[in-house]
Amino acid sequence: MDADKLGLGVSVFVQVKTNQHDANWAIEFARVVAEFPEVVEFYRMAGDYDYLLRVLVKDIPSYDKFYKRLISATALTDVTSNFAMEQIKWTTELPLPSE
């Protein structure tokens, strides 16, 4: 389905850092994030940030509302948002191993 046709034309990649690294916090954070329908992808990461979320919203004010709800719902150390300007490639096709 086309997100633009549904009024969800803004794709935001949200990088999250936390200073909480115990199992109970991780389980609770996953539960909190699952409550946000705007989050369409959610990953635990290696590297500078602990989590990556892909969020679909109507516009920047809609993202601001999402952001305020997210930071009110749980303790986070840092949240960085990157707005996609253009989707150049998207596929559900998996790369098949070559023989």
C-alpha atoms as a PDB file:
ATOM      1  CA  MET A   1       0.000   0.000   0.000  1.00  0.00           C
ATOM      2  CA  ASP A   2       1.229   3.498  -0.827  1.00  0.00           C
ATOM      3  CA  ALA A   3       1.895   5.536   2.348  1.00  0.00           C
ATOM      4  CA  ASP A   4       1.374   8.806   0.437  1.00  0.00           C
ATOM      5  CA  LYS A   5      -2.154   7.745  -0.532  1.00  0.00           C
ATOM      6  CA  LEU A   6      -2.867   7.160   3.160  1.00  0.00           C
ATOM      7  CA  GLY A   7      -1.568  10.615   4.105  1.00  0.00           C
ATOM      8  CA  LEU A   8       1.639   9.221   5.613  1.00  0.00           C
ATOM      9  CA  GLY A   9       4.161  10.817   3.283  1.00  0.00           C
ATOM     10  CA  VAL A  10       6.864  11.664   5.835  1.00  0.00           C
ATOM     11  CA  SER A  11       9.303   8.869   6.663  1.00  0.00           C
ATOM     12  CA  VAL A  12      11.490   9.486   9.701  1.00  0.00           C
ATOM     13  CA  PHE A  13      14.425   7.390  10.880  1.00  0.00           C
ATOM     14  CA  VAL A  14      14.704   7.817  14.640  1.00  0.00           C
ATOM     15  CA  GLN A  15      17.939   6.813  16.370  1.00  0.00           C
ATOM     16  CA  VAL A  16      17.673   6.220  20.109  1.00  0.00           C
ATOM     17  CA  LYS A  17      20.361   5.979  22.789  1.00  0.00           C
ATOM     18  CA  THR A  18      19.728   4.816  26.313  1.00  0.00           C
ATOM     19  CA  ASN A  19      21.884   4.366  29.379  1.00  0.00           C
ATOM     20  CA  GLN A  20      19.604   1.491  30.446  1.00  0.00           C
ATOM     21  CA  HIS A  21      20.950  -1.853  29.281  1.00  0.00           C
ATOM     22  CA  ASP A  22      19.173  -4.377  31.456  1.00  0.00           C
ATOM     23  CA  ALA A  23      16.739  -6.972  30.135  1.00  0.00           C
ATOM     24  CA  ASN A  24      13.703  -5.581  31.981  1.00  0.00           C
ATOM     25  CA  TRP A  25      14.191  -2.111  30.500  1.00  0.00           C
ATOM     26  CA  ALA A  26      14.613  -3.562  26.988  1.00  0.00           C
ATOM     27  CA  ILE A  27      11.410  -5.573  27.329  1.00  0.00           C
ATOM     28  CA  GLU A  28       9.516  -2.528  28.595  1.00  0.00           C
ATOM     29  CA  PHE A  29      10.920  -0.316  25.820  1.00  0.00           C
ATOM     30  CA  ALA A  30       9.812  -2.840  23.190  1.00  0.00           C
ATOM     31  CA  ARG A  31       6.339  -2.866  24.748  1.00  0.00           C
ATOM     32  CA  VAL A  32       6.184   0.949  24.723  1.00  0.00           C
ATOM     33  CA  VAL A  33       7.304   1.192  21.093  1.00  0.00           C
ATOM     34  CA  ALA A  34       4.780  -1.482  20.043  1.00  0.00           C
ATOM     35  CA  GLU A  35       2.007   0.856  21.260  1.00  0.00           C
ATOM     36  CA  PHE A  36       2.903   3.465  18.610  1.00  0.00           C
ATOM     37  CA  PRO A  37       1.202   2.675  15.290  1.00  0.00           C
ATOM     38  CA  GLU A  38       3.451   5.231  13.563  1.00  0.00           C
ATOM     39  CA  VAL A  39       6.448   2.920  14.095  1.00  0.00           C
ATOM     40  CA  VAL A  40       6.590   0.582  11.099  1.00  0.00           C
ATOM     41  CA  GLU A  41      10.093  -0.818  11.718  1.00  0.00           C
ATOM     42  CA  PHE A  42      12.029  -1.251  14.978  1.00  0.00           C
ATOM     43  CA  TYR A  43      15.588  -2.561  15.378  1.00  0.00           C
ATOM     44  CA  ARG A  44      18.103  -3.060  18.198  1.00  0.00           C
ATOM     45  CA  MET A  45      21.405  -1.868  16.799  1.00  0.00           C
ATOM     46  CA  ALA A  46      25.145  -2.237  17.260  1.00  0.00           C
ATOM     47  CA  GLY A  47      27.162   0.950  17.009  1.00  0.00           C
ATOM     48  CA  ASP A  48      26.638   4.509  18.211  1.00  0.00           C
ATOM     49  CA  TYR A  49      22.870   4.185  18.723  1.00  0.00           C
ATOM     50  CA  ASP A  50      21.023   1.449  20.575  1.00  0.00           C
ATOM     51  CA  TYR A  51      17.766   1.398  18.581  1.00  0.00           C
ATOM     52  CA  LEU A  52      16.500   2.490  15.180  1.00  0.00           C
ATOM     53  CA  LEU A  53      12.854   3.189  14.462  1.00  0.00           C
ATOM     54  CA  ARG A  54      11.259   3.977  11.124  1.00  0.00           C
ATOM     55  CA  VAL A  55       8.243   6.180  11.668  1.00  0.00           C
ATOM     56  CA  LEU A  56       5.574   7.163   9.120  1.00  0.00           C
ATOM     57  CA  VAL A  57       3.598  10.357   9.743  1.00  0.00           C
ATOM     58  CA  LYS A  58       1.535  12.905   7.841  1.00  0.00           C
ATOM     59  CA  ASP A  59       3.776  15.930   8.398  1.00  0.00           C
ATOM     60  CA  ILE A  60       6.337  17.547  10.715  1.00  0.00           C
ATOM     61  CA  PRO A  61       3.741  18.614  13.351  1.00  0.00           C
ATOM     62  CA  SER A  62       2.525  14.992  13.441  1.00  0.00           C
ATOM     63  CA  TYR A  63       6.074  13.828  14.036  1.00  0.00           C
ATOM     64  CA  ASP A  64       6.494  16.393  16.812  1.00  0.00           C
ATOM     65  CA  LYS A  65       3.413  14.938  18.556  1.00  0.00           C
ATOM     66  CA  PHE A  66       4.841  11.428  18.148  1.00  0.00           C
ATOM     67  CA  TYR A  67       8.228  12.560  19.509  1.00  0.00           C
ATOM     68  CA  LYS A  68       6.675  14.178  22.583  1.00  0.00           C
ATOM     69  CA  ARG A  69       4.628  11.043  23.305  1.00  0.00           C
ATOM     70  CA  LEU A  70       7.709   8.828  22.896  1.00  0.00           C
ATOM     71  CA  ILE A  71       9.961  10.808  25.243  1.00  0.00           C
ATOM     72  CA  SER A  72       7.137  11.013  27.798  1.00  0.00           C
ATOM     73  CA  ALA A  73       6.597   7.245  27.700  1.00  0.00           C
ATOM     74  CA  THR A  74      10.124   6.125  28.596  1.00  0.00           C
ATOM     75  CA  ALA A  75      13.549   7.336  29.717  1.00  0.00           C
ATOM     76  CA  LEU A  76      15.919   7.895  26.798  1.00  0.00           C
ATOM     77  CA  THR A  77      19.415   9.399  26.743  1.00  0.00           C
ATOM     78  CA  ASP A  78      19.344  10.755  23.178  1.00  0.00           C
ATOM     79  CA  VAL A  79      16.886  10.824  20.287  1.00  0.00           C
ATOM     80  CA  THR A  80      18.029  11.866  16.811  1.00  0.00           C
ATOM     81  CA  SER A  81      15.580  12.202  13.932  1.00  0.00           C
ATOM     82  CA  ASN A  82      16.452  12.000  10.238  1.00  0.00           C
ATOM     83  CA  PHE A  83      13.787  12.843   7.664  1.00  0.00           C
ATOM     84  CA  ALA A  84      13.897  10.995   4.352  1.00  0.00           C
ATOM     85  CA  MET A  85      13.885  13.393   1.410  1.00  0.00           C
ATOM     86  CA  GLU A  86      13.330  10.754  -1.262  1.00  0.00           C
ATOM     87  CA  GLN A  87      12.829   6.996  -1.302  1.00  0.00           C
ATOM     88  CA  ILE A  88      15.155   5.768  -4.030  1.00  0.00           C
ATOM     89  CA  LYS A  89      14.780   2.017  -3.570  1.00  0.00           C
ATOM     90  CA  TRP A  90      12.352  -0.133  -1.625  1.00  0.00           C
ATOM     91  CA  THR A  91      11.705  -3.806  -2.136  1.00  0.00           C
ATOM     92  CA  THR A  92      10.497  -6.899  -0.343  1.00  0.00           C
ATOM     93  CA  GLU A  93      12.552  -9.049  -2.704  1.00  0.00           C
ATOM     94  CA  LEU A  94      15.253 -11.031  -0.905  1.00  0.00           C
ATOM     95  CA  PRO A  95      18.653 -11.506  -2.508  1.00  0.00           C
ATOM     96  CA  LEU A  96      19.067 -15.134  -3.445  1.00  0.00           C
ATOM     97  CA  PRO A  97      22.455 -16.729  -2.851  1.00  0.00           C
ATOM     98  CA  SER A  98      24.408 -17.333  -6.012  1.00  0.00           C
ATOM     99  CA  GLU A  99      25.622 -20.859  -6.700  1.00  0.00           C
END
